[in-house]
Amino acid sequence: MLRFLVFRILGAIPILILLSIVTFLIIQAPPGDYGDYIRTMAINRTGATAEQAQAMAEAYRAANGLNDPLIVQYFRWITGVVTRFDFGQSLYYNKPVGDVVAERLPRTILLALTCHILASVIGISLGILAATRQYSWVDTVLGFISFMGMTIPRFLLAIIILYVLVFRLGVNEIGSFNSAHWGGQPWGWGRFVDLVAHVWPVVLVATIGGLAYNMRVMRANLLDVLNSQYVETARAKGLPESAVIMRHAVPNALHPLVAYQGVVLPYMLTGEIEVAIVFGLATVGPAIVGSMGVGDVWVTATFVMVLAVTLIIGNIISDVLLALLDPRIRLGGEKSN
């Protein structure tokens, strides 16, 4: 297992380097940079003339190395990341990119993990329920829920919920994790309840897609496994049906879902990002969109790399879980004695 982990980590390094280059080039491809944002703000907010604003923009570019060739900018950034774990200085937030990531990433990952746990537990449970009641009204209702969850775009559902909350129910505190009353106060049960009251739309929308997928895959796999010969043998031995399902059928039906864990965290992160953009929460999503809009390349590149790292980590975890779930699977060329 240790050998497998070492090889997977070493194999991920070239992928991350290539991805960093491609990401950097894509981000820099659109015309304009943060100097253009400086020029626009100088004209609109300070009343500077076009010549003065252009001079301010050029001075900012020169001071921050934005006039350097792309290859120089890239190597300056990647060298800082590798040697000093320095992701650069955010142009828009005027602070180290690491501080921006530290402020927003933990909240994003916590929301994504919450959505993942709920989607897995509820989706797999409903999938088992649907498979064991095939063609019943329960199976029909759950099938409809699964279909709707996988077809309705998450951002559209988020917009609908936002419209109902703001324009129909008169909710005013949108786009924050807590009410102003709890600002600066220590964590407790009251603040946690207030947090849930603010983030439940994000959790709901981001969970639905994963829940629907887990339910659908679990139902299909379990139905296939229930018709296997070893399951019929277990029934013939007189085992209770619940034991046959939970001890023999379900573990084997979980294999595709465990493999799916390799991409589920980035999937949940992107789902949270979409919904957070609609609701304006201070997570990764608005930071990525805002940084791209003003040309803050270091923030955008760093967050994209973070998503890439979560994908690689997720795939490694899924391989390890598969090996633990099924001893017949050997990792890294291991052979059974």
C-alpha atoms as a PDB file:
ATOM      1  CA  MET A   1       0.000   0.000   0.000  1.00  0.00           C
ATOM      2  CA  LEU A   2       2.832   2.396   0.861  1.00  0.00           C
ATOM      3  CA  ARG A   3       4.510   1.659  -2.466  1.00  0.00           C
ATOM      4  CA  PHE A   4       1.273   2.406  -4.271  1.00  0.00           C
ATOM      5  CA  LEU A   5       0.838   5.736  -2.494  1.00  0.00           C
ATOM      6  CA  VAL A   6       4.423   6.793  -3.249  1.00  0.00           C
ATOM      7  CA  PHE A   7       4.087   5.961  -6.951  1.00  0.00           C
ATOM      8  CA  ARG A   8       0.742   7.736  -7.227  1.00  0.00           C
ATOM      9  CA  ILE A   9       2.089  10.889  -5.574  1.00  0.00           C
ATOM     10  CA  LEU A  10       5.195  10.908  -7.757  1.00  0.00           C
ATOM     11  CA  GLY A  11       3.079  10.295 -10.839  1.00  0.00           C
ATOM     12  CA  ALA A  12       0.869  13.263  -9.954  1.00  0.00           C
ATOM     13  CA  ILE A  13       3.766  15.739 -10.018  1.00  0.00           C
ATOM     14  CA  PRO A  14       4.156  15.863 -13.847  1.00  0.00           C
ATOM     15  CA  ILE A  15       0.389  16.134 -14.192  1.00  0.00           C
ATOM     16  CA  LEU A  16       0.289  19.103 -11.840  1.00  0.00           C
ATOM     17  CA  ILE A  17       3.159  20.815 -13.669  1.00  0.00           C
ATOM     18  CA  LEU A  18       1.479  20.355 -17.047  1.00  0.00           C
ATOM     19  CA  LEU A  19      -1.851  21.494 -15.631  1.00  0.00           C
ATOM     20  CA  SER A  20      -0.246  24.590 -14.101  1.00  0.00           C
ATOM     21  CA  ILE A  21       1.197  25.561 -17.501  1.00  0.00           C
ATOM     22  CA  VAL A  22      -2.076  25.025 -19.348  1.00  0.00           C
ATOM     23  CA  THR A  23      -4.039  26.848 -16.654  1.00  0.00           C
ATOM     24  CA  PHE A  24      -1.669  29.787 -16.689  1.00  0.00           C
ATOM     25  CA  LEU A  25      -1.839  30.110 -20.477  1.00  0.00           C
ATOM     26  CA  ILE A  26      -5.648  29.883 -20.533  1.00  0.00           C
ATOM     27  CA  ILE A  27      -6.017  32.520 -17.823  1.00  0.00           C
ATOM     28  CA  GLN A  28      -3.622  34.857 -19.638  1.00  0.00           C
ATOM     29  CA  ALA A  29      -5.211  34.256 -23.063  1.00  0.00           C
ATOM     30  CA  PRO A  30      -8.008  36.891 -22.845  1.00  0.00           C
ATOM     31  CA  PRO A  31      -6.848  40.426 -23.653  1.00  0.00           C
ATOM     32  CA  GLY A  32      -6.197  42.800 -20.767  1.00  0.00           C
ATOM     33  CA  ASP A  33      -4.784  42.439 -17.287  1.00  0.00           C
ATOM     34  CA  TYR A  34      -5.124  44.011 -13.848  1.00  0.00           C
ATOM     35  CA  GLY A  35      -3.563  47.202 -15.213  1.00  0.00           C
ATOM     36  CA  ASP A  36      -6.694  47.712 -17.306  1.00  0.00           C
ATOM     37  CA  TYR A  37      -8.777  47.388 -14.141  1.00  0.00           C
ATOM     38  CA  ILE A  38      -6.568  50.025 -12.485  1.00  0.00           C
ATOM     39  CA  ARG A  39      -7.061  52.356 -15.451  1.00  0.00           C
ATOM     40  CA  THR A  40     -10.838  51.918 -15.412  1.00  0.00           C
ATOM     41  CA  MET A  41     -11.102  52.505 -11.680  1.00  0.00           C
ATOM     42  CA  ALA A  42      -8.896  55.610 -11.935  1.00  0.00           C
ATOM     43  CA  ILE A  43     -11.211  57.124 -14.537  1.00  0.00           C
ATOM     44  CA  ASN A  44     -14.478  56.148 -12.873  1.00  0.00           C
ATOM     45  CA  ARG A  45     -13.642  56.756  -9.220  1.00  0.00           C
ATOM     46  CA  THR A  46     -10.968  59.448  -9.136  1.00  0.00           C
ATOM     47  CA  GLY A  47     -11.891  61.400 -12.245  1.00  0.00           C
ATOM     48  CA  ALA A  48      -8.428  60.991 -13.776  1.00  0.00           C
ATOM     49  CA  THR A  49      -7.962  61.735 -17.436  1.00  0.00           C
ATOM     50  CA  ALA A  50      -7.305  58.918 -19.885  1.00  0.00           C
ATOM     51  CA  GLU A  51      -3.609  59.838 -20.046  1.00  0.00           C
ATOM     52  CA  GLN A  52      -3.251  59.940 -16.276  1.00  0.00           C
ATOM     53  CA  ALA A  53      -5.119  56.653 -15.868  1.00  0.00           C
ATOM     54  CA  GLN A  54      -2.937  54.996 -18.523  1.00  0.00           C
ATOM     55  CA  ALA A  55       0.192  56.241 -16.757  1.00  0.00           C
ATOM     56  CA  MET A  56      -1.081  54.788 -13.469  1.00  0.00           C
ATOM     57  CA  ALA A  57      -1.798  51.466 -15.170  1.00  0.00           C
ATOM     58  CA  GLU A  58       1.656  51.306 -16.755  1.00  0.00           C
ATOM     59  CA  ALA A  59       3.319  52.156 -13.448  1.00  0.00           C
ATOM     60  CA  TYR A  60       1.355  49.368 -11.738  1.00  0.00           C
ATOM     61  CA  ARG A  61       2.320  46.873 -14.455  1.00  0.00           C
ATOM     62  CA  ALA A  62       5.978  47.771 -14.140  1.00  0.00           C
ATOM     63  CA  ALA A  63       5.932  47.541 -10.339  1.00  0.00           C
ATOM     64  CA  ASN A  64       4.242  44.127 -10.324  1.00  0.00           C
ATOM     65  CA  GLY A  65       5.990  42.527 -13.301  1.00  0.00           C
ATOM     66  CA  LEU A  66       2.921  42.391 -15.526  1.00  0.00           C
ATOM     67  CA  ASN A  67       4.957  43.615 -18.506  1.00  0.00           C
ATOM     68  CA  ASP A  68       7.313  40.628 -18.295  1.00  0.00           C
ATOM     69  CA  PRO A  69       6.942  37.797 -20.822  1.00  0.00           C
ATOM     70  CA  LEU A  70       4.461  35.086 -19.861  1.00  0.00           C
ATOM     71  CA  ILE A  71       7.197  32.502 -19.379  1.00  0.00           C
ATOM     72  CA  VAL A  72       8.959  34.798 -16.906  1.00  0.00           C
ATOM     73  CA  GLN A  73       5.726  35.426 -15.002  1.00  0.00           C
ATOM     74  CA  TYR A  74       4.964  31.696 -14.906  1.00  0.00           C
ATOM     75  CA  PHE A  75       8.382  30.645 -13.641  1.00  0.00           C
ATOM     76  CA  ARG A  76       8.345  33.421 -11.040  1.00  0.00           C
ATOM     77  CA  TRP A  77       4.999  32.136  -9.762  1.00  0.00           C
ATOM     78  CA  ILE A  78       5.750  28.386  -9.864  1.00  0.00           C
ATOM     79  CA  THR A  79       9.203  28.889  -8.311  1.00  0.00           C
ATOM     80  CA  GLY A  80       7.624  30.725  -5.392  1.00  0.00           C
ATOM     81  CA  VAL A  81       5.055  27.951  -4.973  1.00  0.00           C
ATOM     82  CA  VAL A  82       7.622  25.138  -4.996  1.00  0.00           C
ATOM     83  CA  THR A  83      10.431  26.751  -3.017  1.00  0.00           C
ATOM     84  CA  ARG A  84       8.602  28.977  -0.534  1.00  0.00           C
ATOM     85  CA  PHE A  85       5.000  27.792  -0.745  1.00  0.00           C
ATOM     86  CA  ASP A  86       4.288  31.366  -1.837  1.00  0.00           C
ATOM     87  CA  PHE A  87       1.385  31.669  -4.281  1.00  0.00           C
ATOM     88  CA  GLY A  88       2.045  35.315  -5.019  1.00  0.00           C
ATOM     89  CA  GLN A  89       0.389  38.579  -4.084  1.00  0.00           C
ATOM     90  CA  SER A  90      -3.270  39.046  -4.926  1.00  0.00           C
ATOM     91  CA  LEU A  91      -3.654  42.164  -7.027  1.00  0.00           C
ATOM     92  CA  TYR A  92      -7.334  42.688  -6.233  1.00  0.00           C
ATOM     93  CA  TYR A  93      -7.404  41.754  -2.541  1.00  0.00           C
ATOM     94  CA  ASN A  94      -3.969  43.341  -1.942  1.00  0.00           C
ATOM     95  CA  LYS A  95      -2.822  40.495   0.274  1.00  0.00           C
ATOM     96  CA  PRO A  96      -0.949  37.207  -0.203  1.00  0.00           C
ATOM     97  CA  VAL A  97      -2.889  34.678  -2.242  1.00  0.00           C
ATOM     98  CA  GLY A  98      -2.296  32.164   0.530  1.00  0.00           C
ATOM     99  CA  ASP A  99      -4.334  34.359   2.887  1.00  0.00           C
ATOM    100  CA  VAL A 100      -7.190  34.527   0.371  1.00  0.00           C
ATOM    101  CA  VAL A 101      -7.124  30.730   0.028  1.00  0.00           C
ATOM    102  CA  ALA A 102      -6.943  30.236   3.797  1.00  0.00           C
ATOM    103  CA  GLU A 103      -9.995  32.459   4.290  1.00  0.00           C
ATOM    104  CA  ARG A 104     -12.212  30.796   1.690  1.00  0.00           C
ATOM    105  CA  LEU A 105     -11.039  27.240   1.068  1.00  0.00           C
ATOM    106  CA  PRO A 106     -11.845  25.731   4.517  1.00  0.00           C
ATOM    107  CA  ARG A 107     -15.433  26.978   4.282  1.00  0.00           C
ATOM    108  CA  THR A 108     -15.735  25.606   0.767  1.00  0.00           C
ATOM    109  CA  ILE A 109     -14.314  22.187   1.658  1.00  0.00           C
ATOM    110  CA  LEU A 110     -16.508  21.978   4.771  1.00  0.00           C
ATOM    111  CA  LEU A 111     -19.620  22.707   2.715  1.00  0.00           C
ATOM    112  CA  ALA A 112     -18.524  20.273  -0.010  1.00  0.00           C
ATOM    113  CA  LEU A 113     -17.824  17.482   2.497  1.00  0.00           C
ATOM    114  CA  THR A 114     -21.176  18.086   4.176  1.00  0.00           C
ATOM    115  CA  CYS A 115     -22.902  17.810   0.809  1.00  0.00           C
ATOM    116  CA  HIS A 116     -20.893  14.700  -0.049  1.00  0.00           C
ATOM    117  CA  ILE A 117     -21.731  12.916   3.195  1.00  0.00           C
ATOM    118  CA  LEU A 118     -25.420  13.724   2.873  1.00  0.00           C
ATOM    119  CA  ALA A 119     -25.491  12.737  -0.808  1.00  0.00           C
ATOM    120  CA  SER A 120     -23.720   9.437  -0.102  1.00  0.00           C
ATOM    121  CA  VAL A 121     -25.674   8.362   2.962  1.00  0.00           C
ATOM    122  CA  ILE A 122     -29.108   9.401   1.716  1.00  0.00           C
ATOM    123  CA  GLY A 123     -28.495   8.447  -1.920  1.00  0.00           C
ATOM    124  CA  ILE A 124     -27.164   4.966  -1.168  1.00  0.00           C
ATOM    125  CA  SER A 125     -29.928   4.320   1.366  1.00  0.00           C
ATOM    126  CA  LEU A 126     -32.629   5.366  -1.091  1.00  0.00           C
ATOM    127  CA  GLY A 127     -30.950   3.293  -3.815  1.00  0.00           C
ATOM    128  CA  ILE A 128     -31.142   0.203  -1.599  1.00  0.00           C
ATOM    129  CA  LEU A 129     -34.768   1.000  -0.811  1.00  0.00           C
ATOM    130  CA  ALA A 130     -35.634   1.375  -4.498  1.00  0.00           C
ATOM    131  CA  ALA A 131     -33.844  -1.832  -5.528  1.00  0.00           C
ATOM    132  CA  THR A 132     -35.508  -3.942  -2.847  1.00  0.00           C
ATOM    133  CA  ARG A 133     -38.920  -2.599  -3.898  1.00  0.00           C
ATOM    134  CA  GLN A 134     -38.491  -2.805  -7.652  1.00  0.00           C
ATOM    135  CA  TYR A 135     -41.484  -1.594  -9.737  1.00  0.00           C
ATOM    136  CA  SER A 136     -43.414  -0.494  -6.641  1.00  0.00           C
ATOM    137  CA  TRP A 137     -44.725   3.019  -6.132  1.00  0.00           C
ATOM    138  CA  VAL A 138     -41.711   3.695  -3.901  1.00  0.00           C
ATOM    139  CA  ASP A 139     -39.375   2.774  -6.751  1.00  0.00           C
ATOM    140  CA  THR A 140     -41.337   4.987  -9.143  1.00  0.00           C
ATOM    141  CA  VAL A 141     -41.245   8.038  -6.862  1.00  0.00           C
ATOM    142  CA  LEU A 142     -37.548   7.622  -6.115  1.00  0.00           C
ATOM    143  CA  GLY A 143     -36.821   7.152  -9.815  1.00  0.00           C
ATOM    144  CA  PHE A 144     -38.595  10.432 -10.599  1.00  0.00           C
ATOM    145  CA  ILE A 145     -36.623  12.218  -7.865  1.00  0.00           C
ATOM    146  CA  SER A 146     -33.379  10.793  -9.251  1.00  0.00           C
ATOM    147  CA  PHE A 147     -34.243  11.879 -12.789  1.00  0.00           C
ATOM    148  CA  MET A 148     -35.099  15.417 -11.726  1.00  0.00           C
ATOM    149  CA  GLY A 149     -31.987  15.707  -9.562  1.00  0.00           C
ATOM    150  CA  MET A 150     -29.703  14.764 -12.442  1.00  0.00           C
ATOM    151  CA  THR A 151     -31.371  16.904 -15.113  1.00  0.00           C
ATOM    152  CA  ILE A 152     -32.177  20.229 -13.413  1.00  0.00           C
ATOM    153  CA  PRO A 153     -29.107  22.526 -13.565  1.00  0.00           C
ATOM    154  CA  ARG A 154     -27.860  23.416 -10.110  1.00  0.00           C
ATOM    155  CA  PHE A 155     -27.526  27.112 -10.856  1.00  0.00           C
ATOM    156  CA  LEU A 156     -31.146  27.214 -12.069  1.00  0.00           C
ATOM    157  CA  LEU A 157     -32.399  25.541  -8.898  1.00  0.00           C
ATOM    158  CA  ALA A 158     -30.304  27.985  -6.862  1.00  0.00           C
ATOM    159  CA  ILE A 159     -31.866  30.948  -8.692  1.00  0.00           C
ATOM    160  CA  ILE A 160     -35.370  29.590  -8.055  1.00  0.00           C
ATOM    161  CA  ILE A 161     -34.695  29.144  -4.328  1.00  0.00           C
ATOM    162  CA  LEU A 162     -33.117  32.606  -4.161  1.00  0.00           C
ATOM    163  CA  TYR A 163     -36.185  34.131  -5.831  1.00  0.00           C
ATOM    164  CA  VAL A 164     -38.566  32.405  -3.411  1.00  0.00           C
ATOM    165  CA  LEU A 165     -36.541  33.399  -0.351  1.00  0.00           C
ATOM    166  CA  VAL A 166     -36.063  37.045  -1.303  1.00  0.00           C
ATOM    167  CA  PHE A 167     -39.190  37.987  -3.227  1.00  0.00           C
ATOM    168  CA  ARG A 168     -41.768  35.631  -1.722  1.00  0.00           C
ATOM    169  CA  LEU A 169     -40.618  35.081   1.847  1.00  0.00           C
ATOM    170  CA  GLY A 170     -38.865  38.413   2.387  1.00  0.00           C
ATOM    171  CA  VAL A 171     -35.560  36.965   3.585  1.00  0.00           C
ATOM    172  CA  ASN A 172     -32.997  39.770   3.741  1.00  0.00           C
ATOM    173  CA  GLU A 173     -29.796  38.121   4.991  1.00  0.00           C
ATOM    174  CA  ILE A 174     -28.582  36.429   1.824  1.00  0.00           C
ATOM    175  CA  GLY A 175     -24.917  35.969   1.016  1.00  0.00           C
ATOM    176  CA  SER A 176     -23.538  35.490   4.533  1.00  0.00           C
ATOM    177  CA  PHE A 177     -22.788  32.585   6.831  1.00  0.00           C
ATOM    178  CA  ASN A 178     -24.245  34.157   9.949  1.00  0.00           C
ATOM    179  CA  SER A 179     -26.496  36.994  10.979  1.00  0.00           C
ATOM    180  CA  ALA A 180     -24.924  40.285  12.010  1.00  0.00           C
ATOM    181  CA  HIS A 181     -25.936  39.470  15.588  1.00  0.00           C
ATOM    182  CA  TRP A 182     -23.360  36.665  15.712  1.00  0.00           C
ATOM    183  CA  GLY A 183     -20.466  38.649  14.248  1.00  0.00           C
ATOM    184  CA  GLY A 184     -17.341  38.159  16.347  1.00  0.00           C
ATOM    185  CA  GLN A 185     -19.081  35.955  18.903  1.00  0.00           C
ATOM    186  CA  PRO A 186     -17.667  32.543  19.865  1.00  0.00           C
ATOM    187  CA  TRP A 187     -19.107  29.378  18.397  1.00  0.00           C
ATOM    188  CA  GLY A 188     -21.982  27.774  20.205  1.00  0.00           C
ATOM    189  CA  TRP A 189     -25.246  26.005  19.532  1.00  0.00           C
ATOM    190  CA  GLY A 190     -27.083  29.232  18.728  1.00  0.00           C
ATOM    191  CA  ARG A 191     -24.495  30.351  16.197  1.00  0.00           C
ATOM    192  CA  PHE A 192     -24.442  26.870  14.620  1.00  0.00           C
ATOM    193  CA  VAL A 193     -28.232  26.912  14.191  1.00  0.00           C
ATOM    194  CA  ASP A 194     -27.960  30.361  12.645  1.00  0.00           C
ATOM    195  CA  LEU A 195     -25.255  29.040  10.279  1.00  0.00           C
ATOM    196  CA  VAL A 196     -27.499  26.175   9.163  1.00  0.00           C
ATOM    197  CA  ALA A 197     -30.342  28.623   8.579  1.00  0.00           C
ATOM    198  CA  HIS A 198     -28.090  30.600   6.209  1.00  0.00           C
ATOM    199  CA  VAL A 199     -26.314  27.843   4.270  1.00  0.00           C
ATOM    200  CA  TRP A 200     -29.074  25.245   3.895  1.00  0.00           C
ATOM    201  CA  PRO A 201     -29.957  26.382   0.327  1.00  0.00           C
ATOM    202  CA  VAL A 202     -26.352  25.862  -0.765  1.00  0.00           C
ATOM    203  CA  VAL A 203     -26.177  22.453   0.915  1.00  0.00           C
ATOM    204  CA  LEU A 204     -29.547  21.426  -0.537  1.00  0.00           C
ATOM    205  CA  VAL A 205     -28.756  22.343  -4.135  1.00  0.00           C
ATOM    206  CA  ALA A 206     -25.199  20.998  -4.102  1.00  0.00           C
ATOM    207  CA  THR A 207     -26.378  17.727  -2.504  1.00  0.00           C
ATOM    208  CA  ILE A 208     -29.210  16.954  -4.912  1.00  0.00           C
ATOM    209  CA  GLY A 209     -27.032  16.084  -7.904  1.00  0.00           C
ATOM    210  CA  GLY A 210     -24.776  13.683  -5.993  1.00  0.00           C
ATOM    211  CA  LEU A 211     -27.727  12.172  -4.161  1.00  0.00           C
ATOM    212  CA  ALA A 212     -29.518  11.453  -7.433  1.00  0.00           C
ATOM    213  CA  TYR A 213     -26.414   9.856  -8.950  1.00  0.00           C
ATOM    214  CA  ASN A 214     -25.740   7.668  -5.909  1.00  0.00           C
ATOM    215  CA  MET A 215     -29.356   6.555  -5.782  1.00  0.00           C
ATOM    216  CA  ARG A 216     -29.475   5.652  -9.456  1.00  0.00           C
ATOM    217  CA  VAL A 217     -26.174   3.778  -9.539  1.00  0.00           C
ATOM    218  CA  MET A 218     -26.840   1.944  -6.275  1.00  0.00           C
ATOM    219  CA  ARG A 219     -30.253   0.778  -7.468  1.00  0.00           C
ATOM    220  CA  ALA A 220     -28.917  -0.528 -10.788  1.00  0.00           C
ATOM    221  CA  ASN A 221     -25.899  -2.268  -9.244  1.00  0.00           C
ATOM    222  CA  LEU A 222     -27.856  -3.817  -6.399  1.00  0.00           C
ATOM    223  CA  LEU A 223     -30.486  -5.202  -8.771  1.00  0.00           C
ATOM    224  CA  ASP A 224     -27.720  -6.808 -10.792  1.00  0.00           C
ATOM    225  CA  VAL A 225     -26.016  -8.263  -7.720  1.00  0.00           C
ATOM    226  CA  LEU A 226     -29.272  -9.601  -6.256  1.00  0.00           C
ATOM    227  CA  ASN A 227     -29.592 -11.880  -9.293  1.00  0.00           C
ATOM    228  CA  SER A 228     -26.093 -13.310  -8.818  1.00  0.00           C
ATOM    229  CA  GLN A 229     -25.560 -16.970  -8.032  1.00  0.00           C
ATOM    230  CA  TYR A 230     -23.806 -16.422  -4.706  1.00  0.00           C
ATOM    231  CA  VAL A 231     -26.764 -14.345  -3.489  1.00  0.00           C
ATOM    232  CA  GLU A 232     -29.136 -17.184  -4.412  1.00  0.00           C
ATOM    233  CA  THR A 233     -26.818 -19.553  -2.549  1.00  0.00           C
ATOM    234  CA  ALA A 234     -26.965 -17.363   0.541  1.00  0.00           C
ATOM    235  CA  ARG A 235     -30.750 -17.401   0.380  1.00  0.00           C
ATOM    236  CA  ALA A 236     -30.772 -21.168  -0.045  1.00  0.00           C
ATOM    237  CA  LYS A 237     -28.771 -21.511   3.165  1.00  0.00           C
ATOM    238  CA  GLY A 238     -31.651 -19.902   5.020  1.00  0.00           C
ATOM    239  CA  LEU A 239     -30.135 -16.514   5.769  1.00  0.00           C
ATOM    240  CA  PRO A 240     -32.636 -13.729   6.460  1.00  0.00           C
ATOM    241  CA  GLU A 241     -33.273 -11.486   3.467  1.00  0.00           C
ATOM    242  CA  SER A 242     -31.903  -8.467   5.331  1.00  0.00           C
ATOM    243  CA  ALA A 243     -28.632 -10.306   5.970  1.00  0.00           C
ATOM    244  CA  VAL A 244     -28.429 -11.408   2.347  1.00  0.00           C
ATOM    245  CA  ILE A 245     -28.854  -7.832   1.155  1.00  0.00           C
ATOM    246  CA  MET A 246     -26.669  -5.977   3.661  1.00  0.00           C
ATOM    247  CA  ARG A 247     -23.876  -8.539   4.144  1.00  0.00           C
ATOM    248  CA  HIS A 248     -23.559 -10.054   0.681  1.00  0.00           C
ATOM    249  CA  ALA A 249     -25.219  -7.883  -1.961  1.00  0.00           C
ATOM    250  CA  VAL A 250     -24.631  -4.291  -0.835  1.00  0.00           C
ATOM    251  CA  PRO A 251     -20.804  -4.479  -0.363  1.00  0.00           C
ATOM    252  CA  ASN A 252     -20.364  -5.753  -3.936  1.00  0.00           C
ATOM    253  CA  ALA A 253     -22.802  -3.220  -5.321  1.00  0.00           C
ATOM    254  CA  LEU A 254     -20.797  -0.403  -3.743  1.00  0.00           C
ATOM    255  CA  HIS A 255     -17.717  -0.868  -5.968  1.00  0.00           C
ATOM    256  CA  PRO A 256     -18.680   1.657  -8.701  1.00  0.00           C
ATOM    257  CA  LEU A 257     -19.711   4.192  -6.061  1.00  0.00           C
ATOM    258  CA  VAL A 258     -16.405   3.824  -4.251  1.00  0.00           C
ATOM    259  CA  ALA A 259     -14.564   4.374  -7.542  1.00  0.00           C
ATOM    260  CA  TYR A 260     -16.752   7.446  -8.056  1.00  0.00           C
ATOM    261  CA  GLN A 261     -15.263   8.955  -4.908  1.00  0.00           C
ATOM    262  CA  GLY A 262     -12.228   9.851  -7.013  1.00  0.00           C
ATOM    263  CA  VAL A 263     -14.123  12.665  -8.699  1.00  0.00           C
ATOM    264  CA  VAL A 264     -16.850  13.362  -6.181  1.00  0.00           C
ATOM    265  CA  LEU A 265     -14.957  15.946  -4.124  1.00  0.00           C
ATOM    266  CA  PRO A 266     -14.155  18.158  -7.141  1.00  0.00           C
ATOM    267  CA  TYR A 267     -17.744  17.565  -8.285  1.00  0.00           C
ATOM    268  CA  MET A 268     -19.085  18.718  -4.944  1.00  0.00           C
ATOM    269  CA  LEU A 269     -16.668  21.647  -4.926  1.00  0.00           C
ATOM    270  CA  THR A 270     -17.875  22.795  -8.341  1.00  0.00           C
ATOM    271  CA  GLY A 271     -21.471  22.279  -7.249  1.00  0.00           C
ATOM    272  CA  GLU A 272     -20.867  24.404  -4.175  1.00  0.00           C
ATOM    273  CA  ILE A 273     -19.056  26.964  -6.344  1.00  0.00           C
ATOM    274  CA  GLU A 274     -22.033  27.331  -8.700  1.00  0.00           C
ATOM    275  CA  VAL A 275     -24.517  27.785  -5.876  1.00  0.00           C
ATOM    276  CA  ALA A 276     -22.209  30.038  -3.837  1.00  0.00           C
ATOM    277  CA  ILE A 277     -21.879  32.362  -6.826  1.00  0.00           C
ATOM    278  CA  VAL A 278     -25.668  32.690  -7.005  1.00  0.00           C
ATOM    279  CA  PHE A 279     -25.989  33.312  -3.259  1.00  0.00           C
ATOM    280  CA  GLY A 280     -22.827  35.420  -3.021  1.00  0.00           C
ATOM    281  CA  LEU A 281     -21.205  33.426  -0.218  1.00  0.00           C
ATOM    282  CA  ALA A 282     -17.578  34.178   0.609  1.00  0.00           C
ATOM    283  CA  THR A 283     -16.213  30.868  -0.670  1.00  0.00           C
ATOM    284  CA  VAL A 284     -14.030  29.764  -3.576  1.00  0.00           C
ATOM    285  CA  GLY A 285     -16.646  30.354  -6.273  1.00  0.00           C
ATOM    286  CA  PRO A 286     -17.060  34.124  -6.052  1.00  0.00           C
ATOM    287  CA  ALA A 287     -13.285  34.488  -5.565  1.00  0.00           C
ATOM    288  CA  ILE A 288     -12.563  32.651  -8.823  1.00  0.00           C
ATOM    289  CA  VAL A 289     -15.162  34.592 -10.804  1.00  0.00           C
ATOM    290  CA  GLY A 290     -14.138  37.926  -9.295  1.00  0.00           C
ATOM    291  CA  SER A 291     -10.424  37.346  -9.852  1.00  0.00           C
ATOM    292  CA  MET A 292     -10.986  36.338 -13.470  1.00  0.00           C
ATOM    293  CA  GLY A 293     -13.105  39.424 -14.053  1.00  0.00           C
ATOM    294  CA  VAL A 294     -10.366  41.826 -12.939  1.00  0.00           C
ATOM    295  CA  GLY A 295      -7.342  39.880 -14.181  1.00  0.00           C
ATOM    296  CA  ASP A 296      -6.060  38.757 -10.785  1.00  0.00           C
ATOM    297  CA  VAL A 297      -4.245  35.820 -12.354  1.00  0.00           C
ATOM    298  CA  TRP A 298      -2.508  34.520  -9.228  1.00  0.00           C
ATOM    299  CA  VAL A 299      -5.749  33.933  -7.327  1.00  0.00           C
ATOM    300  CA  THR A 300      -7.405  32.214 -10.282  1.00  0.00           C
ATOM    301  CA  ALA A 301      -4.415  29.985 -11.020  1.00  0.00           C
ATOM    302  CA  THR A 302      -4.042  28.988  -7.375  1.00  0.00           C
ATOM    303  CA  PHE A 303      -7.678  28.009  -6.929  1.00  0.00           C
ATOM    304  CA  VAL A 304      -7.660  25.995 -10.166  1.00  0.00           C
ATOM    305  CA  MET A 305      -4.587  24.149  -8.943  1.00  0.00           C
ATOM    306  CA  VAL A 306      -6.334  23.471  -5.636  1.00  0.00           C
ATOM    307  CA  LEU A 307      -9.219  21.844  -7.521  1.00  0.00           C
ATOM    308  CA  ALA A 308      -6.715  19.737  -9.461  1.00  0.00           C
ATOM    309  CA  VAL A 309      -5.062  18.567  -6.243  1.00  0.00           C
ATOM    310  CA  THR A 310      -8.440  17.562  -4.779  1.00  0.00           C
ATOM    311  CA  LEU A 311      -9.114  15.483  -7.907  1.00  0.00           C
ATOM    312  CA  ILE A 312      -5.796  13.649  -7.562  1.00  0.00           C
ATOM    313  CA  ILE A 313      -6.259  13.093  -3.823  1.00  0.00           C
ATOM    314  CA  GLY A 314      -9.806  11.868  -4.421  1.00  0.00           C
ATOM    315  CA  ASN A 315      -8.638   9.286  -6.956  1.00  0.00           C
ATOM    316  CA  ILE A 316      -5.965   7.986  -4.571  1.00  0.00           C
ATOM    317  CA  ILE A 317      -8.520   7.697  -1.759  1.00  0.00           C
ATOM    318  CA  SER A 318     -10.968   5.853  -4.019  1.00  0.00           C
ATOM    319  CA  ASP A 319      -8.289   3.291  -4.985  1.00  0.00           C
ATOM    320  CA  VAL A 320      -7.431   2.704  -1.334  1.00  0.00           C
ATOM    321  CA  LEU A 321     -11.096   2.294  -0.405  1.00  0.00           C
ATOM    322  CA  LEU A 322     -11.599  -0.196  -3.231  1.00  0.00           C
ATOM    323  CA  ALA A 323      -8.695  -2.264  -1.931  1.00  0.00           C
ATOM    324  CA  LEU A 324     -10.113  -2.224   1.597  1.00  0.00           C
ATOM    325  CA  LEU A 325     -13.613  -3.082   0.383  1.00  0.00           C
ATOM    326  CA  ASP A 326     -12.498  -5.954  -1.855  1.00  0.00           C
ATOM    327  CA  PRO A 327      -9.378  -7.898  -0.774  1.00  0.00           C
ATOM    328  CA  ARG A 328      -9.151  -9.363  -4.292  1.00  0.00           C
ATOM    329  CA  ILE A 329      -7.957  -5.967  -5.540  1.00  0.00           C
ATOM    330  CA  ARG A 330      -4.209  -5.496  -5.285  1.00  0.00           C
ATOM    331  CA  LEU A 331      -2.613  -2.103  -5.558  1.00  0.00           C
ATOM    332  CA  GLY A 332       0.769  -1.174  -6.965  1.00  0.00           C
ATOM    333  CA  GLY A 333       1.488  -4.624  -8.347  1.00  0.00           C
ATOM    334  CA  GLU A 334       1.014  -6.428  -5.014  1.00  0.00           C
ATOM    335  CA  LYS A 335       0.348 -10.132  -5.259  1.00  0.00           C
ATOM    336  CA  SER A 336      -1.415 -12.392  -2.843  1.00  0.00           C
ATOM    337  CA  ASN A 337       0.644 -15.152  -1.233  1.00  0.00           C
END
